[in-house]
Amino acid sequence: MRAGTRPIGTQPPPATSAPAGGSRPPLKIKLSAKEHGFYSNMYSQAAGDGNSVRGKEAVTFFKRSGLPVDKLKAIWLVAARASNECLSKDEFYVALRLIAYQQNGMPADERSIKANLEVSLPNLNGGGGPASNAAQQAPPASSKPEISAEDIAAKLPSLDDLDIGQLQGIDSLIPSIDQKSKQEQMEAQRQQMML
């Protein structure tokens, strides 16, 4: 028998996950517009200025879900495809979707991601399941509804689609900067007139 062949009638060895630090094919998910805005903003919070979310930052961030550490570890093992040390943006998005699946009593596994099962946004306010999501969405007793940062983030446009060129010529949102800028313009005009 040649090397590398199996006897007829035998099964191939079971597939194993990639060794630590190994690379597996990426998992992709299709995001709704609401998810895209929310996930993009959550990624910006977790990654800061980086191109990935390192393990320590991810653990701290994902603990806000209220899920037990063993569940978060299982989610990490599914989401981390290229490296066990950090998550790329797409891997982070997969982890958020898996957290949402787990919080809603759905299987948080690769099959669910590949099936692109619909689920509500993950609760990252210290909750851990559908009950906490329902409680979060219930109106408070006061007359003004409480709005969470996640609700606001979900409504913001994706930072991936932001065209910096569109911001040219827009006055600052900070009044003191506007005032200083206008003073500088007036001073320049006055000096121009004196010439």
Protein backbone atom coordinates (compact mmCIF):
# COMPACT_ATOMS: atom_id res chain seq x y z
CA MET A 1 0.00 0.00 0.00
CA ARG A 2 1.34 3.45 -0.88
CA ALA A 3 2.06 5.97 1.83
CA GLY A 4 -0.85 8.31 2.52
CA THR A 5 -3.57 5.89 1.34
CA ARG A 6 -6.19 4.15 3.47
CA PRO A 7 -7.35 0.59 3.10
CA ILE A 8 -10.60 0.24 1.19
CA GLY A 9 -13.65 0.47 3.42
CA THR A 10 -12.00 2.51 6.18
CA GLN A 11 -13.16 5.94 7.16
CA PRO A 12 -10.93 9.01 7.09
CA PRO A 13 -9.80 10.25 10.48
CA PRO A 14 -12.22 12.70 12.12
CA ALA A 15 -11.65 16.36 11.34
CA THR A 16 -9.92 18.20 14.15
CA SER A 17 -9.77 21.85 14.86
CA ALA A 18 -6.66 23.73 13.90
CA PRO A 19 -3.79 23.55 16.38
CA ALA A 20 -3.24 26.53 18.64
CA GLY A 21 -2.05 29.39 16.49
CA GLY A 22 -3.15 27.55 13.34
CA SER A 23 -5.36 29.09 10.71
CA ARG A 24 -8.83 27.87 9.77
CA PRO A 25 -11.04 29.13 6.97
CA PRO A 26 -12.83 32.33 8.07
CA LEU A 27 -16.49 32.35 9.02
CA LYS A 28 -18.54 35.07 7.38
CA ILE A 29 -21.91 36.40 8.46
CA LYS A 30 -24.39 38.58 6.64
CA LEU A 31 -25.30 41.50 8.86
CA SER A 32 -28.49 43.52 8.80
CA ALA A 33 -28.04 47.30 8.65
CA LYS A 34 -28.86 47.50 12.36
CA GLU A 35 -26.31 44.80 13.20
CA HIS A 36 -23.66 46.38 10.99
CA GLY A 37 -23.89 49.72 12.78
CA PHE A 38 -24.01 48.09 16.22
CA TYR A 39 -21.20 45.59 15.57
CA SER A 40 -18.99 48.25 13.96
CA ASN A 41 -19.36 50.53 16.96
CA MET A 42 -18.77 47.69 19.43
CA TYR A 43 -15.60 46.78 17.50
CA SER A 44 -14.40 50.38 17.70
CA GLN A 45 -14.94 50.32 21.47
CA ALA A 46 -13.08 47.05 21.93
CA ALA A 47 -10.23 47.53 19.43
CA GLY A 48 -9.62 51.24 19.91
CA ASP A 49 -7.12 52.25 17.25
CA GLY A 50 -5.96 48.68 16.61
CA ASN A 51 -6.66 46.33 13.73
CA SER A 52 -7.70 43.50 16.04
CA VAL A 53 -9.01 42.84 19.53
CA ARG A 54 -6.42 41.18 21.73
CA GLY A 55 -7.46 38.42 24.12
CA LYS A 56 -7.36 40.47 27.34
CA GLU A 57 -9.48 43.28 25.89
CA ALA A 58 -11.91 40.79 24.35
CA VAL A 59 -12.38 38.94 27.63
CA THR A 60 -13.14 42.18 29.46
CA PHE A 61 -15.50 43.31 26.70
CA PHE A 62 -17.32 39.98 26.30
CA LYS A 63 -17.80 39.58 30.07
CA ARG A 64 -20.27 42.47 29.76
CA SER A 65 -22.60 39.90 28.16
CA GLY A 66 -23.10 38.24 31.55
CA LEU A 67 -22.33 34.82 30.05
CA PRO A 68 -20.26 32.34 32.06
CA VAL A 69 -16.54 32.19 31.26
CA ASP A 70 -16.80 28.62 29.91
CA LYS A 71 -19.42 29.77 27.36
CA LEU A 72 -17.26 32.73 26.35
CA LYS A 73 -14.27 30.41 25.93
CA ALA A 74 -16.31 28.15 23.63
CA ILE A 75 -17.40 31.21 21.63
CA TRP A 76 -13.76 32.34 21.33
CA LEU A 77 -12.75 28.90 20.03
CA VAL A 78 -15.37 29.09 17.26
CA ALA A 79 -14.71 32.74 16.33
CA ALA A 80 -10.88 32.85 16.46
CA ARG A 81 -9.85 31.45 13.08
CA ALA A 82 -6.45 32.94 12.24
CA SER A 83 -4.98 33.17 15.75
CA ASN A 84 -5.91 32.25 19.30
CA GLU A 85 -4.36 35.50 20.55
CA CYS A 86 -6.65 38.07 18.92
CA LEU A 87 -9.79 38.55 16.85
CA SER A 88 -9.95 40.33 13.51
CA LYS A 89 -12.97 42.53 12.84
CA ASP A 90 -14.86 39.72 11.06
CA GLU A 91 -14.00 37.29 13.86
CA PHE A 92 -15.17 39.82 16.45
CA TYR A 93 -18.48 40.15 14.57
CA VAL A 94 -18.84 36.35 14.60
CA ALA A 95 -18.19 36.35 18.37
CA LEU A 96 -20.89 38.99 18.90
CA ARG A 97 -23.39 36.95 16.90
CA LEU A 98 -22.46 33.81 18.89
CA ILE A 99 -22.99 35.75 22.14
CA ALA A 100 -26.43 36.79 20.88
CA TYR A 101 -27.23 33.16 20.00
CA GLN A 102 -26.15 31.98 23.47
CA GLN A 103 -28.14 34.73 25.21
CA ASN A 104 -31.26 33.72 23.28
CA GLY A 105 -30.96 29.99 24.00
CA MET A 106 -29.80 29.11 20.48
CA PRO A 107 -26.79 26.92 19.63
CA ALA A 108 -23.68 29.11 19.62
CA ASP A 109 -21.72 27.09 17.09
CA GLU A 110 -20.27 27.13 13.60
CA ARG A 111 -23.42 25.61 12.07
CA SER A 112 -25.56 28.47 13.41
CA ILE A 113 -23.15 31.00 11.90
CA LYS A 114 -23.13 29.22 8.54
CA ALA A 115 -26.94 29.06 8.59
CA ASN A 116 -26.97 32.81 9.34
CA LEU A 117 -29.80 32.41 11.86
CA GLU A 118 -31.51 35.68 12.75
CA VAL A 119 -31.21 36.83 16.34
CA SER A 120 -31.58 40.06 18.30
CA LEU A 121 -28.53 42.19 19.09
CA PRO A 122 -26.34 40.88 21.90
CA ASN A 123 -26.94 42.38 25.34
CA LEU A 124 -23.65 43.82 26.57
CA ASN A 125 -25.06 45.56 29.63
CA GLY A 126 -24.28 42.78 32.07
CA GLY A 127 -27.30 40.65 31.18
CA GLY A 128 -27.04 37.10 30.01
CA GLY A 129 -30.21 35.87 28.41
CA PRO A 130 -33.55 36.60 26.88
CA ALA A 131 -35.02 37.67 30.22
CA SER A 132 -32.42 40.38 30.65
CA ASN A 133 -32.94 41.47 27.03
CA ALA A 134 -36.69 41.74 27.67
CA ALA A 135 -36.08 43.66 30.88
CA GLN A 136 -33.71 45.98 29.05
CA GLN A 137 -36.39 46.72 26.45
CA ALA A 138 -39.23 47.26 28.95
CA PRO A 139 -39.97 50.96 29.44
CA PRO A 140 -38.87 52.36 32.80
CA ALA A 141 -41.39 53.73 35.30
CA SER A 142 -40.39 57.35 34.59
CA SER A 143 -42.03 59.35 31.82
CA LYS A 144 -38.82 59.56 29.73
CA PRO A 145 -37.63 56.33 28.13
CA GLU A 146 -34.08 55.31 28.95
CA ILE A 147 -31.81 54.90 25.94
CA SER A 148 -28.76 52.66 26.18
CA ALA A 149 -25.45 53.26 24.46
CA GLU A 150 -26.01 50.08 22.45
CA ASP A 151 -29.33 51.45 21.11
CA ILE A 152 -27.59 54.62 20.02
CA ALA A 153 -24.67 52.69 18.52
CA ALA A 154 -27.06 50.50 16.54
CA LYS A 155 -28.52 53.60 14.89
CA LEU A 156 -25.18 55.16 13.97
CA PRO A 157 -23.82 54.64 10.47
CA SER A 158 -21.02 52.13 10.10
CA LEU A 159 -17.59 53.66 10.52
CA ASP A 160 -16.45 51.41 7.66
CA ASP A 161 -18.62 53.37 5.24
CA LEU A 162 -17.62 56.83 6.47
CA ASP A 163 -16.22 59.06 3.72
CA ILE A 164 -13.94 61.61 5.36
CA GLY A 165 -14.21 63.78 2.22
CA GLN A 166 -17.85 64.42 3.07
CA LEU A 167 -16.80 66.08 6.30
CA GLN A 168 -14.81 68.84 4.56
CA GLY A 169 -16.33 72.25 5.25
CA ILE A 170 -18.63 71.08 8.05
CA ASP A 171 -18.41 73.40 11.05
CA SER A 172 -17.26 71.86 14.28
CA LEU A 173 -19.77 70.42 16.70
CA ILE A 174 -17.84 72.03 19.55
CA PRO A 175 -18.93 75.70 19.95
CA SER A 176 -15.61 76.89 21.43
CA ILE A 177 -13.74 75.60 18.36
CA ASP A 178 -16.29 77.27 16.07
CA GLN A 179 -15.88 80.55 17.91
CA LYS A 180 -12.08 80.44 17.76
CA SER A 181 -12.20 79.55 14.07
CA LYS A 182 -14.54 82.45 13.32
CA GLN A 183 -12.33 84.83 15.30
CA GLU A 184 -9.30 83.71 13.30
CA GLN A 185 -11.20 84.23 10.04
CA MET A 186 -12.28 87.73 11.10
CA GLU A 187 -8.73 88.63 12.12
CA ALA A 188 -7.40 87.40 8.77
CA GLN A 189 -10.03 89.47 6.92
CA ARG A 190 -9.21 92.54 8.97
CA GLN A 191 -5.51 92.18 8.26
CA GLN A 192 -6.34 91.68 4.57
CA MET A 193 -8.26 94.95 4.58
CA MET A 194 -5.36 96.83 6.18
CA LEU A 195 -3.01 95.85 3.35
